[in-house]
Amino acid sequence: MIEEKNNKMQESERSKKKKIERRLFEISVKAVIFKDGKVLILRRSGDSIRDAGKLDLPGGAVEHGEKIKEGLAREIKEEIGIKIEVGPVVYLSDYEKEYALDKEKQKTIQIYGKGIGILVFYKSGEVKLSDEHEDYEWLDIETAINKFNEKDNFEVGKKQALIEASRYLQMQNFSDGRRK
């Protein structure tokens, strides 16, 4: 009986390994963008192969040879078309995810990555969403934090980046008050 269970587990692992095309490493950078005391959150397109309809922050993978701030500015320009001022890093994470390469999820790639959340300040422009996202909202940070699902692997890192950005800003306000 135990041997039969072990064989089934090994068979399951082999079939899982077959569908994984390759394993990759990435650095992903997400922006916590502030404008007039509100933060920008996005909703991924319902047509997306990956994480359809989930809440998101602007940003994405840094390309080979690209500096982190350059990658963030490029991603923001591609995804929402606004101009920004890059602030400090407020969140760091390690993650592992499996990306589907097709709607049927027959082929996937395994990604191991490092996530970076950066506080960003809106400078100018009008939000123009790319096909990657279908909606956006400017919300106060507490409302935005509460919208993200902490039990969802895709959303939890973004929620934590918002929490850390809020803490950072509270510390800055405290420090600024003490300096006066």
Protein backbone atom coordinates (compact mmCIF):
# COMPACT_ATOMS: atom_id res chain seq x y z
CA MET A 1 0.00 0.00 0.00
CA ILE A 2 2.74 2.47 0.94
CA GLU A 3 4.73 1.50 -2.15
CA GLU A 4 1.66 2.08 -4.33
CA LYS A 5 1.18 5.56 -2.77
CA ASN A 6 4.86 6.42 -3.39
CA ASN A 7 4.59 5.31 -7.02
CA LYS A 8 1.52 7.52 -7.53
CA MET A 9 3.31 10.49 -5.95
CA GLN A 10 6.37 9.94 -8.17
CA GLU A 11 4.14 9.61 -11.25
CA SER A 12 2.34 12.85 -10.32
CA GLU A 13 5.68 14.65 -9.95
CA ARG A 14 6.88 13.34 -13.33
CA SER A 15 3.71 14.50 -15.09
CA LYS A 16 4.00 17.91 -13.44
CA LYS A 17 7.64 18.21 -14.53
CA LYS A 18 6.71 17.33 -18.12
CA LYS A 19 4.44 20.32 -18.52
CA ILE A 20 7.01 22.79 -17.15
CA GLU A 21 8.89 24.06 -20.18
CA ARG A 22 11.75 25.69 -18.30
CA ARG A 23 12.71 27.44 -15.09
CA LEU A 24 13.60 31.12 -15.05
CA PHE A 25 14.75 33.84 -12.68
CA GLU A 26 13.34 37.37 -12.75
CA ILE A 27 13.41 40.62 -10.89
CA SER A 28 10.00 42.24 -10.74
CA VAL A 29 9.46 45.83 -9.72
CA LYS A 30 6.09 47.30 -8.71
CA ALA A 31 5.18 50.93 -8.12
CA VAL A 32 3.11 52.31 -5.27
CA ILE A 33 2.13 55.51 -7.09
CA PHE A 34 0.82 58.46 -5.08
CA LYS A 35 -1.14 61.38 -6.48
CA ASP A 36 -2.95 63.90 -4.26
CA GLY A 37 -2.85 61.54 -1.27
CA LYS A 38 -4.28 58.59 -3.21
CA VAL A 39 -2.62 55.44 -4.54
CA LEU A 40 -3.19 53.87 -7.96
CA ILE A 41 -4.38 50.27 -8.20
CA LEU A 42 -5.08 48.36 -11.39
CA ARG A 43 -7.24 45.39 -12.37
CA ARG A 44 -5.71 42.86 -14.73
CA SER A 45 -7.57 42.15 -17.94
CA GLY A 46 -10.18 39.42 -17.76
CA ASP A 47 -8.73 38.03 -21.01
CA SER A 48 -5.26 37.57 -19.53
CA ILE A 49 -3.73 34.08 -19.56
CA ARG A 50 -2.22 34.85 -16.15
CA ASP A 51 -4.04 36.20 -13.11
CA ALA A 52 -7.08 37.44 -15.02
CA GLY A 53 -9.22 39.98 -13.17
CA LYS A 54 -6.90 40.25 -10.17
CA LEU A 55 -5.79 43.48 -8.54
CA ASP A 56 -2.33 44.73 -9.42
CA LEU A 57 0.14 47.58 -9.09
CA PRO A 58 1.91 49.09 -12.10
CA GLY A 59 5.23 47.48 -12.96
CA GLY A 60 6.71 44.20 -14.08
CA ALA A 61 9.88 42.35 -14.90
CA VAL A 62 13.15 44.19 -15.31
CA GLU A 63 14.72 43.31 -18.67
CA HIS A 64 18.26 41.97 -19.06
CA GLY A 65 20.78 44.82 -18.88
CA GLU A 66 18.20 47.29 -17.62
CA LYS A 67 18.63 49.22 -14.37
CA ILE A 68 15.81 48.76 -11.86
CA LYS A 69 14.59 52.38 -12.00
CA GLU A 70 14.74 52.32 -15.82
CA GLY A 71 12.70 49.10 -15.86
CA LEU A 72 10.11 50.61 -13.55
CA ALA A 73 9.81 53.78 -15.66
CA ARG A 74 9.48 51.66 -18.85
CA GLU A 75 6.81 49.43 -17.31
CA ILE A 76 4.82 52.46 -16.09
CA LYS A 77 5.03 54.11 -19.49
CA GLU A 78 3.91 50.87 -21.22
CA GLU A 79 1.12 50.03 -18.79
CA ILE A 80 -0.37 53.41 -17.87
CA GLY A 81 1.45 56.17 -19.81
CA ILE A 82 2.12 58.65 -17.01
CA LYS A 83 5.28 60.45 -15.89
CA ILE A 84 6.59 59.74 -12.42
CA GLU A 85 9.27 60.54 -9.89
CA VAL A 86 10.86 57.43 -8.41
CA GLY A 87 11.17 57.38 -4.62
CA PRO A 88 12.64 54.85 -2.19
CA VAL A 89 12.38 51.07 -2.10
CA VAL A 90 9.77 50.15 0.51
CA TYR A 91 9.36 46.38 0.05
CA LEU A 92 11.50 43.39 -0.91
CA SER A 93 10.34 39.80 -1.40
CA ASP A 94 11.25 36.39 -2.75
CA TYR A 95 8.68 34.48 -4.75
CA GLU A 96 8.08 31.42 -6.84
CA LYS A 97 5.33 31.13 -9.41
CA GLU A 98 4.25 29.05 -12.34
CA TYR A 99 3.19 30.93 -15.49
CA ALA A 100 0.85 29.37 -18.00
CA LEU A 101 1.95 29.82 -21.58
CA ASP A 102 -1.49 28.97 -22.97
CA LYS A 103 -5.14 29.23 -21.87
CA GLU A 104 -5.37 25.48 -21.27
CA LYS A 105 -2.29 25.62 -18.99
CA GLN A 106 -0.73 22.68 -20.82
CA LYS A 107 2.65 24.41 -20.97
CA THR A 108 4.08 26.43 -18.12
CA ILE A 109 7.33 27.97 -16.98
CA GLN A 110 8.52 28.04 -13.39
CA ILE A 111 9.71 31.47 -12.24
CA TYR A 112 11.86 32.17 -9.22
CA GLY A 113 12.12 35.84 -8.47
CA LYS A 114 12.85 38.84 -6.34
CA GLY A 115 10.14 41.45 -5.94
CA ILE A 116 10.82 45.12 -5.29
CA GLY A 117 8.14 47.61 -4.25
CA ILE A 118 9.05 51.24 -4.86
CA LEU A 119 7.30 54.36 -3.66
CA VAL A 120 6.59 56.55 -6.69
CA PHE A 121 5.09 60.00 -7.07
CA TYR A 122 2.85 61.05 -9.95
CA LYS A 123 4.26 63.94 -12.03
CA SER A 124 1.98 64.35 -15.04
CA GLY A 125 -0.14 62.69 -17.70
CA GLU A 126 -3.42 60.88 -17.94
CA VAL A 127 -3.72 57.18 -17.13
CA LYS A 128 -4.07 55.23 -20.39
CA LEU A 129 -4.27 51.51 -19.73
CA SER A 130 -2.50 48.97 -21.92
CA ASP A 131 -4.23 45.70 -22.87
CA GLU A 132 -2.71 44.12 -19.77
CA HIS A 133 -5.18 45.92 -17.48
CA GLU A 134 -8.87 46.75 -17.82
CA ASP A 135 -9.56 49.18 -14.99
CA TYR A 136 -7.92 51.44 -12.42
CA GLU A 137 -8.77 53.42 -9.29
CA TRP A 138 -7.11 56.13 -7.21
CA LEU A 139 -7.86 55.22 -3.58
CA ASP A 140 -6.69 56.25 -0.14
CA ILE A 141 -4.00 53.79 0.91
CA GLU A 142 -6.02 52.02 3.64
CA THR A 143 -8.89 51.34 1.22
CA ALA A 144 -6.40 50.06 -1.37
CA ILE A 145 -4.71 47.77 1.19
CA ASN A 146 -8.07 46.30 2.19
CA LYS A 147 -9.03 45.57 -1.43
CA PHE A 148 -6.07 43.22 -2.03
CA ASN A 149 -6.56 39.57 -1.08
CA GLU A 150 -3.87 38.42 1.36
CA LYS A 151 -4.68 34.76 0.60
CA ASP A 152 -4.01 35.12 -3.12
CA ASN A 153 -0.40 34.43 -4.15
CA PHE A 154 -0.53 37.06 -6.91
CA GLU A 155 -2.07 39.82 -4.78
CA VAL A 156 -0.35 39.28 -1.42
CA GLY A 157 2.98 40.89 -2.41
CA LYS A 158 1.23 43.95 -3.79
CA LYS A 159 -0.79 44.28 -0.58
CA GLN A 160 2.42 44.04 1.46
CA ALA A 161 4.09 46.71 -0.72
CA LEU A 162 1.15 49.04 0.03
CA ILE A 163 1.42 48.32 3.76
CA GLU A 164 5.16 49.03 3.76
CA ALA A 165 4.68 52.23 1.72
CA SER A 166 2.11 53.39 4.27
CA ARG A 167 4.52 52.65 7.14
CA TYR A 168 7.32 54.48 5.37
CA LEU A 169 5.17 57.56 4.82
CA GLN A 170 4.00 57.52 8.45
CA MET A 171 7.63 57.37 9.61
CA GLN A 172 8.52 60.26 7.29
CA ASN A 173 5.64 62.34 8.65
CA PHE A 174 6.75 61.56 12.21
CA SER A 175 10.37 62.44 11.40
CA ASP A 176 9.38 65.66 9.62
CA GLY A 177 7.31 66.69 12.66
CA ARG A 178 10.20 66.09 15.04
CA ARG A 179 12.66 68.08 12.90
CA LYS A 180 10.58 71.27 13.03
